[in-house]
Amino acid sequence: MGGVLRAERVWVETFTGLRMDQFGRLLKAVRERGGEGCGWGRPWRLPLAERVLLVAVYYRTNLTMRQLAPLFGVSPATVCRVIQRLGPLLALEPARTPADAAERLWIVDGTLVPVRDRTVGVSSRNYRFSANVQVIDDAESRLVVATARPVPGNTADAKAWRDSGPAQHCEGVTVLGDGTYINTGLIVPHRRRPGRPLLKGEEEDNAQHRKVRARVEHTFSRTKNYKILRDCRQRGNGLHHAVQAVARMHNLTPAA
């Protein structure tokens, strides 16, 4: 049985949210990382472009493998193998300390992603099993700089920042965080203490801090258009690969 979806403009733009030139850059990155090879065994039934499209559609729509299989004319087992093989190859490039680090302003925050795998998530404040994912954004370009490995959803942001490793990407860069990142070395809002209201200058600083930090919330809003981040059924490293791939596709479609 032939599939319905092909790596053509109408399907790519409808099902992934990427323009054809953006999808072409994603395809090029996967090819350069060795996605073309089949390893051992039978060659892939689908060409590389359609396999990349399959993974992008999966992350965007969160359809089940049984639902995706007839759309591409393959079996659910093949869909699973394609996602497991190519998912890690869509990952965001590892962040490097920029040459102008002293002039950069980055923002960090954590977001909860509902998961099914109880070895990755735990019951958290939203009463669902979820994982906490730390994301670093560039304040000027609004691109994702790095994402950390997921930690259990009941982990405080400050502890997640220390334990999941994003701090290593931020040497020499000024990083903003909200009030939960106190005592982490990040720039956080001034805190009001009992019997001591904030000074006028401190209130103005906090207002400016909120205005800038809101940009990372806009990033979360856009990345969660990829429905895999609303209910991740992947197990093990599947969530980490999904977050990395979504961050890369988000960076291909920067906000105006």
C-alpha atoms as a PDB file:
ATOM      1  CA  MET A   1       0.000   0.000   0.000  1.00  0.00           C
ATOM      2  CA  GLY A   2       1.384   3.383  -0.986  1.00  0.00           C
ATOM      3  CA  GLY A   3       1.556   6.207   1.514  1.00  0.00           C
ATOM      4  CA  VAL A   4      -0.256   9.523   1.361  1.00  0.00           C
ATOM      5  CA  LEU A   5       2.399  11.878   2.695  1.00  0.00           C
ATOM      6  CA  ARG A   6       5.414  12.775   0.592  1.00  0.00           C
ATOM      7  CA  ALA A   7       8.256  15.239   1.088  1.00  0.00           C
ATOM      8  CA  GLU A   8       6.445  17.846  -0.998  1.00  0.00           C
ATOM      9  CA  ARG A   9       5.627  21.454  -0.171  1.00  0.00           C
ATOM     10  CA  VAL A  10       1.936  20.958   0.565  1.00  0.00           C
ATOM     11  CA  TRP A  11       2.565  18.115   3.043  1.00  0.00           C
ATOM     12  CA  VAL A  12       5.708  19.527   4.640  1.00  0.00           C
ATOM     13  CA  GLU A  13       4.209  22.955   5.336  1.00  0.00           C
ATOM     14  CA  THR A  14       0.842  21.561   6.455  1.00  0.00           C
ATOM     15  CA  PHE A  15       2.100  18.862   8.804  1.00  0.00           C
ATOM     16  CA  THR A  16       5.375  20.272  10.191  1.00  0.00           C
ATOM     17  CA  GLY A  17       4.984  24.054  10.227  1.00  0.00           C
ATOM     18  CA  LEU A  18       8.307  24.356   8.327  1.00  0.00           C
ATOM     19  CA  ARG A  19       8.799  25.988   4.951  1.00  0.00           C
ATOM     20  CA  MET A  20      10.467  23.862   2.296  1.00  0.00           C
ATOM     21  CA  ASP A  21      13.782  25.727   2.626  1.00  0.00           C
ATOM     22  CA  GLN A  22      13.720  25.197   6.399  1.00  0.00           C
ATOM     23  CA  PHE A  23      12.873  21.526   5.960  1.00  0.00           C
ATOM     24  CA  GLY A  24      15.745  21.306   3.470  1.00  0.00           C
ATOM     25  CA  ARG A  25      18.171  22.597   6.106  1.00  0.00           C
ATOM     26  CA  LEU A  26      16.866  20.026   8.581  1.00  0.00           C
ATOM     27  CA  LEU A  27      17.266  17.286   5.993  1.00  0.00           C
ATOM     28  CA  LYS A  28      20.812  18.416   5.205  1.00  0.00           C
ATOM     29  CA  ALA A  29      21.778  18.274   8.893  1.00  0.00           C
ATOM     30  CA  VAL A  30      20.413  14.731   9.246  1.00  0.00           C
ATOM     31  CA  ARG A  31      22.220  13.608   6.092  1.00  0.00           C
ATOM     32  CA  GLU A  32      25.517  15.060   7.337  1.00  0.00           C
ATOM     33  CA  ARG A  33      25.080  13.142  10.587  1.00  0.00           C
ATOM     34  CA  GLY A  34      24.814   9.825   8.779  1.00  0.00           C
ATOM     35  CA  GLY A  35      21.052   9.521   8.494  1.00  0.00           C
ATOM     36  CA  GLU A  36      21.284   8.188   4.930  1.00  0.00           C
ATOM     37  CA  GLY A  37      22.901   4.908   5.938  1.00  0.00           C
ATOM     38  CA  CYS A  38      20.810   1.887   6.850  1.00  0.00           C
ATOM     39  CA  GLY A  39      23.460   0.175   8.979  1.00  0.00           C
ATOM     40  CA  TRP A  40      22.934  -3.552   8.559  1.00  0.00           C
ATOM     41  CA  GLY A  41      19.930  -5.415   7.219  1.00  0.00           C
ATOM     42  CA  ARG A  42      17.404  -4.335   4.615  1.00  0.00           C
ATOM     43  CA  PRO A  43      17.578  -0.855   3.134  1.00  0.00           C
ATOM     44  CA  TRP A  44      14.887   1.581   4.268  1.00  0.00           C
ATOM     45  CA  ARG A  45      11.644   1.441   2.324  1.00  0.00           C
ATOM     46  CA  LEU A  46      11.246   5.232   2.526  1.00  0.00           C
ATOM     47  CA  PRO A  47      13.797   7.719   1.153  1.00  0.00           C
ATOM     48  CA  LEU A  48      15.591   9.887   3.698  1.00  0.00           C
ATOM     49  CA  ALA A  49      13.444  12.971   3.029  1.00  0.00           C
ATOM     50  CA  GLU A  50      10.266  11.062   3.853  1.00  0.00           C
ATOM     51  CA  ARG A  51      11.816   9.490   6.930  1.00  0.00           C
ATOM     52  CA  VAL A  52      12.759  12.940   8.230  1.00  0.00           C
ATOM     53  CA  LEU A  53       9.249  14.122   7.386  1.00  0.00           C
ATOM     54  CA  LEU A  54       7.822  11.175   9.340  1.00  0.00           C
ATOM     55  CA  VAL A  55       9.790  12.096  12.462  1.00  0.00           C
ATOM     56  CA  ALA A  56       8.887  15.797  12.146  1.00  0.00           C
ATOM     57  CA  VAL A  57       5.198  14.938  11.692  1.00  0.00           C
ATOM     58  CA  TYR A  58       5.351  12.644  14.720  1.00  0.00           C
ATOM     59  CA  TYR A  59       6.781  15.377  16.927  1.00  0.00           C
ATOM     60  CA  ARG A  60       4.381  17.988  15.563  1.00  0.00           C
ATOM     61  CA  THR A  61       1.149  15.966  15.760  1.00  0.00           C
ATOM     62  CA  ASN A  62       1.913  13.275  18.375  1.00  0.00           C
ATOM     63  CA  LEU A  63      -0.055  10.772  16.309  1.00  0.00           C
ATOM     64  CA  THR A  64       0.417   7.160  17.345  1.00  0.00           C
ATOM     65  CA  MET A  65       2.586   4.846  15.251  1.00  0.00           C
ATOM     66  CA  ARG A  66      -0.504   2.956  14.125  1.00  0.00           C
ATOM     67  CA  GLN A  67      -1.932   6.244  12.829  1.00  0.00           C
ATOM     68  CA  LEU A  68       1.289   7.306  11.099  1.00  0.00           C
ATOM     69  CA  ALA A  69       1.895   3.949   9.401  1.00  0.00           C
ATOM     70  CA  PRO A  70      -0.863   4.193   6.723  1.00  0.00           C
ATOM     71  CA  LEU A  71      -0.015   7.866   6.075  1.00  0.00           C
ATOM     72  CA  PHE A  72       3.469   6.803   4.929  1.00  0.00           C
ATOM     73  CA  GLY A  73       2.574   3.337   3.576  1.00  0.00           C
ATOM     74  CA  VAL A  74       4.729   1.394   6.040  1.00  0.00           C
ATOM     75  CA  SER A  75       4.165  -0.776   9.099  1.00  0.00           C
ATOM     76  CA  PRO A  76       3.955   0.579  12.675  1.00  0.00           C
ATOM     77  CA  ALA A  77       7.192  -1.311  13.435  1.00  0.00           C
ATOM     78  CA  THR A  78       8.957   0.590  10.635  1.00  0.00           C
ATOM     79  CA  VAL A  79       7.622   3.897  11.976  1.00  0.00           C
ATOM     80  CA  CYS A  80       9.060   2.999  15.389  1.00  0.00           C
ATOM     81  CA  ARG A  81      12.454   2.131  13.918  1.00  0.00           C
ATOM     82  CA  VAL A  82      12.582   5.348  11.881  1.00  0.00           C
ATOM     83  CA  ILE A  83      11.826   7.487  14.940  1.00  0.00           C
ATOM     84  CA  GLN A  84      14.397   5.670  17.069  1.00  0.00           C
ATOM     85  CA  ARG A  85      17.047   5.954  14.336  1.00  0.00           C
ATOM     86  CA  LEU A  86      16.519   9.543  13.200  1.00  0.00           C
ATOM     87  CA  GLY A  87      15.131  11.205  16.339  1.00  0.00           C
ATOM     88  CA  PRO A  88      18.608  11.708  17.884  1.00  0.00           C
ATOM     89  CA  LEU A  89      19.945  13.046  14.550  1.00  0.00           C
ATOM     90  CA  LEU A  90      17.506  15.966  14.609  1.00  0.00           C
ATOM     91  CA  ALA A  91      19.005  17.184  17.886  1.00  0.00           C
ATOM     92  CA  LEU A  92      20.076  20.752  18.517  1.00  0.00           C
ATOM     93  CA  GLU A  93      23.767  21.471  17.940  1.00  0.00           C
ATOM     94  CA  PRO A  94      25.754  21.455  21.220  1.00  0.00           C
ATOM     95  CA  ALA A  95      26.040  24.994  22.546  1.00  0.00           C
ATOM     96  CA  ARG A  96      29.445  26.646  22.572  1.00  0.00           C
ATOM     97  CA  THR A  97      30.549  29.664  24.546  1.00  0.00           C
ATOM     98  CA  PRO A  98      30.192  32.574  22.090  1.00  0.00           C
ATOM     99  CA  ALA A  99      33.140  34.839  21.313  1.00  0.00           C
ATOM    100  CA  ASP A 100      31.161  37.842  22.566  1.00  0.00           C
ATOM    101  CA  ALA A 101      29.973  36.059  25.728  1.00  0.00           C
ATOM    102  CA  ALA A 102      30.339  39.172  27.901  1.00  0.00           C
ATOM    103  CA  GLU A 103      27.824  41.015  25.702  1.00  0.00           C
ATOM    104  CA  ARG A 104      25.239  38.229  25.532  1.00  0.00           C
ATOM    105  CA  LEU A 105      22.121  37.931  27.661  1.00  0.00           C
ATOM    106  CA  TRP A 106      20.557  34.507  28.041  1.00  0.00           C
ATOM    107  CA  ILE A 107      17.429  33.432  29.898  1.00  0.00           C
ATOM    108  CA  VAL A 108      16.793  30.107  31.617  1.00  0.00           C
ATOM    109  CA  ASP A 109      13.577  28.550  32.825  1.00  0.00           C
ATOM    110  CA  GLY A 110      12.098  25.129  33.355  1.00  0.00           C
ATOM    111  CA  THR A 111       8.937  23.688  31.836  1.00  0.00           C
ATOM    112  CA  LEU A 112       6.964  20.597  32.782  1.00  0.00           C
ATOM    113  CA  VAL A 113       6.370  17.989  30.084  1.00  0.00           C
ATOM    114  CA  PRO A 114       3.761  15.283  30.815  1.00  0.00           C
ATOM    115  CA  VAL A 115       5.258  11.815  30.288  1.00  0.00           C
ATOM    116  CA  ARG A 116       4.071   8.204  30.427  1.00  0.00           C
ATOM    117  CA  ASP A 117       7.421   6.714  31.462  1.00  0.00           C
ATOM    118  CA  ARG A 118       7.458   6.672  35.260  1.00  0.00           C
ATOM    119  CA  THR A 119      11.200   6.163  35.359  1.00  0.00           C
ATOM    120  CA  VAL A 120      11.547   9.672  33.860  1.00  0.00           C
ATOM    121  CA  GLY A 121       8.651  11.593  35.425  1.00  0.00           C
ATOM    122  CA  VAL A 122       6.965  11.765  38.798  1.00  0.00           C
ATOM    123  CA  SER A 123       3.716  13.235  40.050  1.00  0.00           C
ATOM    124  CA  SER A 124       4.264  16.996  40.215  1.00  0.00           C
ATOM    125  CA  ARG A 125       2.346  20.152  40.994  1.00  0.00           C
ATOM    126  CA  ASN A 126       0.125  19.788  37.935  1.00  0.00           C
ATOM    127  CA  TYR A 127      -1.076  16.407  39.312  1.00  0.00           C
ATOM    128  CA  ARG A 128       0.316  14.536  36.295  1.00  0.00           C
ATOM    129  CA  PHE A 129       3.437  12.508  35.832  1.00  0.00           C
ATOM    130  CA  SER A 130       5.837  14.961  34.273  1.00  0.00           C
ATOM    131  CA  ALA A 131       9.486  15.829  33.783  1.00  0.00           C
ATOM    132  CA  ASN A 132      11.215  19.177  34.313  1.00  0.00           C
ATOM    133  CA  VAL A 133      13.197  20.347  31.270  1.00  0.00           C
ATOM    134  CA  GLN A 134      15.544  23.328  31.601  1.00  0.00           C
ATOM    135  CA  VAL A 135      15.774  25.532  28.503  1.00  0.00           C
ATOM    136  CA  ILE A 136      18.253  28.334  27.796  1.00  0.00           C
ATOM    137  CA  ASP A 137      17.142  31.074  25.396  1.00  0.00           C
ATOM    138  CA  ASP A 138      19.061  33.927  23.782  1.00  0.00           C
ATOM    139  CA  ALA A 139      17.276  37.146  24.779  1.00  0.00           C
ATOM    140  CA  GLU A 140      18.108  38.970  21.550  1.00  0.00           C
ATOM    141  CA  SER A 141      17.559  36.319  18.873  1.00  0.00           C
ATOM    142  CA  ARG A 142      14.967  34.337  20.891  1.00  0.00           C
ATOM    143  CA  LEU A 143      16.588  31.119  19.720  1.00  0.00           C
ATOM    144  CA  VAL A 144      17.081  28.109  21.981  1.00  0.00           C
ATOM    145  CA  VAL A 145      20.731  27.896  23.006  1.00  0.00           C
ATOM    146  CA  ALA A 146      20.593  24.594  24.878  1.00  0.00           C
ATOM    147  CA  THR A 147      18.264  22.198  26.634  1.00  0.00           C
ATOM    148  CA  ALA A 148      19.128  20.015  29.593  1.00  0.00           C
ATOM    149  CA  ARG A 149      18.353  16.371  30.210  1.00  0.00           C
ATOM    150  CA  PRO A 150      14.917  15.936  31.808  1.00  0.00           C
ATOM    151  CA  VAL A 151      14.717  15.516  35.566  1.00  0.00           C
ATOM    152  CA  PRO A 152      11.685  14.445  37.642  1.00  0.00           C
ATOM    153  CA  GLY A 153       8.884  17.007  37.540  1.00  0.00           C
ATOM    154  CA  ASN A 154       8.895  17.642  41.285  1.00  0.00           C
ATOM    155  CA  THR A 155      12.496  18.904  41.126  1.00  0.00           C
ATOM    156  CA  ALA A 156      12.875  22.591  41.973  1.00  0.00           C
ATOM    157  CA  ASP A 157      14.268  24.702  39.142  1.00  0.00           C
ATOM    158  CA  ALA A 158      17.367  25.654  41.131  1.00  0.00           C
ATOM    159  CA  LYS A 159      18.203  21.998  41.801  1.00  0.00           C
ATOM    160  CA  ALA A 160      17.434  21.061  38.183  1.00  0.00           C
ATOM    161  CA  TRP A 161      19.804  23.826  37.040  1.00  0.00           C
ATOM    162  CA  ARG A 162      22.600  22.419  39.211  1.00  0.00           C
ATOM    163  CA  ASP A 163      21.980  18.734  38.480  1.00  0.00           C
ATOM    164  CA  SER A 164      21.037  18.534  34.796  1.00  0.00           C
ATOM    165  CA  GLY A 165      24.084  20.317  33.390  1.00  0.00           C
ATOM    166  CA  PRO A 166      22.957  23.481  31.537  1.00  0.00           C
ATOM    167  CA  ALA A 167      25.276  25.692  33.606  1.00  0.00           C
ATOM    168  CA  GLN A 168      28.307  24.389  31.683  1.00  0.00           C
ATOM    169  CA  HIS A 169      27.061  26.162  28.545  1.00  0.00           C
ATOM    170  CA  CYS A 170      26.901  29.567  30.220  1.00  0.00           C
ATOM    171  CA  GLU A 171      30.473  30.398  31.219  1.00  0.00           C
ATOM    172  CA  GLY A 172      31.071  34.113  30.828  1.00  0.00           C
ATOM    173  CA  VAL A 173      27.458  34.821  29.781  1.00  0.00           C
ATOM    174  CA  THR A 174      24.949  36.852  31.809  1.00  0.00           C
ATOM    175  CA  VAL A 175      21.951  34.602  32.545  1.00  0.00           C
ATOM    176  CA  LEU A 176      18.550  35.654  33.886  1.00  0.00           C
ATOM    177  CA  GLY A 177      16.296  33.383  35.922  1.00  0.00           C
ATOM    178  CA  ASP A 178      13.141  33.838  37.949  1.00  0.00           C
ATOM    179  CA  GLY A 179      12.957  33.921  41.737  1.00  0.00           C
ATOM    180  CA  THR A 180      13.251  30.138  42.043  1.00  0.00           C
ATOM    181  CA  TYR A 181      16.911  30.289  40.947  1.00  0.00           C
ATOM    182  CA  ILE A 182      18.114  32.053  44.083  1.00  0.00           C
ATOM    183  CA  ASN A 183      21.685  31.204  45.171  1.00  0.00           C
ATOM    184  CA  THR A 184      22.581  29.761  41.763  1.00  0.00           C
ATOM    185  CA  GLY A 185      24.688  32.672  40.521  1.00  0.00           C
ATOM    186  CA  LEU A 186      22.010  33.794  38.048  1.00  0.00           C
ATOM    187  CA  ILE A 187      20.461  37.256  37.952  1.00  0.00           C
ATOM    188  CA  VAL A 188      17.132  36.954  39.771  1.00  0.00           C
ATOM    189  CA  PRO A 189      14.511  39.527  40.837  1.00  0.00           C
ATOM    190  CA  HIS A 190      14.879  41.477  44.067  1.00  0.00           C
ATOM    191  CA  ARG A 191      13.017  39.786  46.901  1.00  0.00           C
ATOM    192  CA  ARG A 192      10.629  41.541  49.227  1.00  0.00           C
ATOM    193  CA  ARG A 193      11.388  40.810  52.868  1.00  0.00           C
ATOM    194  CA  PRO A 194       8.955  41.073  55.810  1.00  0.00           C
ATOM    195  CA  GLY A 195       8.642  44.689  56.927  1.00  0.00           C
ATOM    196  CA  ARG A 196      10.898  45.953  54.143  1.00  0.00           C
ATOM    197  CA  PRO A 197       9.136  46.960  50.921  1.00  0.00           C
ATOM    198  CA  LEU A 198      11.118  47.105  47.714  1.00  0.00           C
ATOM    199  CA  LEU A 199      12.778  50.389  46.885  1.00  0.00           C
ATOM    200  CA  LYS A 200      11.632  52.248  43.777  1.00  0.00           C
ATOM    201  CA  GLY A 201      14.789  51.300  41.885  1.00  0.00           C
ATOM    202  CA  GLU A 202      14.334  47.648  42.823  1.00  0.00           C
ATOM    203  CA  GLU A 203      10.724  47.658  41.587  1.00  0.00           C
ATOM    204  CA  GLU A 204      11.884  49.136  38.277  1.00  0.00           C
ATOM    205  CA  ASP A 205      14.604  46.479  38.027  1.00  0.00           C
ATOM    206  CA  ASN A 206      12.037  43.743  38.638  1.00  0.00           C
ATOM    207  CA  ALA A 207       9.679  45.161  36.009  1.00  0.00           C
ATOM    208  CA  GLN A 208      12.472  45.193  33.421  1.00  0.00           C
ATOM    209  CA  HIS A 209      13.540  41.697  34.494  1.00  0.00           C
ATOM    210  CA  ARG A 210       9.991  40.370  33.957  1.00  0.00           C
ATOM    211  CA  LYS A 211       9.766  42.031  30.559  1.00  0.00           C
ATOM    212  CA  VAL A 212      12.953  40.365  29.325  1.00  0.00           C
ATOM    213  CA  ARG A 213      12.334  36.998  30.965  1.00  0.00           C
ATOM    214  CA  ALA A 214       8.901  36.738  29.329  1.00  0.00           C
ATOM    215  CA  ARG A 215      10.693  35.873  26.087  1.00  0.00           C
ATOM    216  CA  VAL A 216      11.478  32.369  27.318  1.00  0.00           C
ATOM    217  CA  GLU A 217       7.775  31.881  28.088  1.00  0.00           C
ATOM    218  CA  HIS A 218       7.025  32.838  24.485  1.00  0.00           C
ATOM    219  CA  THR A 219       9.508  30.156  23.419  1.00  0.00           C
ATOM    220  CA  PHE A 220       7.702  27.549  25.535  1.00  0.00           C
ATOM    221  CA  SER A 221       4.410  28.599  23.969  1.00  0.00           C
ATOM    222  CA  ARG A 222       5.789  28.142  20.445  1.00  0.00           C
ATOM    223  CA  THR A 223       7.615  24.873  21.091  1.00  0.00           C
ATOM    224  CA  LYS A 224       4.510  23.327  22.616  1.00  0.00           C
ATOM    225  CA  ASN A 225       2.829  23.665  19.253  1.00  0.00           C
ATOM    226  CA  TYR A 226       4.754  20.404  18.831  1.00  0.00           C
ATOM    227  CA  LYS A 227       2.282  18.171  20.617  1.00  0.00           C
ATOM    228  CA  ILE A 228       4.926  15.639  21.639  1.00  0.00           C
ATOM    229  CA  LEU A 229       5.688  18.118  24.466  1.00  0.00           C
ATOM    230  CA  ARG A 230       2.078  17.995  25.674  1.00  0.00           C
ATOM    231  CA  ASP A 231       1.989  14.226  26.252  1.00  0.00           C
ATOM    232  CA  CYS A 232       5.207  12.343  25.548  1.00  0.00           C
ATOM    233  CA  ARG A 233       4.729   8.596  25.150  1.00  0.00           C
ATOM    234  CA  GLN A 234       8.419   7.920  24.458  1.00  0.00           C
ATOM    235  CA  ARG A 235      10.450   5.974  26.996  1.00  0.00           C
ATOM    236  CA  GLY A 236      14.019   6.297  28.208  1.00  0.00           C
ATOM    237  CA  ASN A 237      15.908   8.943  26.245  1.00  0.00           C
ATOM    238  CA  GLY A 238      12.915   9.525  23.954  1.00  0.00           C
ATOM    239  CA  LEU A 239      11.842  12.717  25.735  1.00  0.00           C
ATOM    240  CA  HIS A 240      15.364  14.139  25.652  1.00  0.00           C
ATOM    241  CA  HIS A 241      15.644  13.452  21.912  1.00  0.00           C
ATOM    242  CA  ALA A 242      12.190  14.962  21.323  1.00  0.00           C
ATOM    243  CA  VAL A 243      13.022  18.163  23.222  1.00  0.00           C
ATOM    244  CA  GLN A 244      16.301  18.538  21.343  1.00  0.00           C
ATOM    245  CA  ALA A 245      14.626  17.984  17.957  1.00  0.00           C
ATOM    246  CA  VAL A 246      11.787  20.403  18.717  1.00  0.00           C
ATOM    247  CA  ALA A 247      14.325  23.032  19.802  1.00  0.00           C
ATOM    248  CA  ARG A 248      16.130  22.635  16.482  1.00  0.00           C
ATOM    249  CA  MET A 249      12.918  22.956  14.464  1.00  0.00           C
ATOM    250  CA  HIS A 250      11.897  25.962  16.568  1.00  0.00           C
ATOM    251  CA  ASN A 251      15.237  27.625  15.702  1.00  0.00           C
ATOM    252  CA  LEU A 252      14.526  27.091  12.001  1.00  0.00           C
ATOM    253  CA  THR A 253      11.392  29.241  12.318  1.00  0.00           C
ATOM    254  CA  PRO A 254      12.536  32.256  14.384  1.00  0.00           C
ATOM    255  CA  ALA A 255       9.890  34.654  15.630  1.00  0.00           C
ATOM    256  CA  ALA A 256       9.458  37.809  13.594  1.00  0.00           C
END
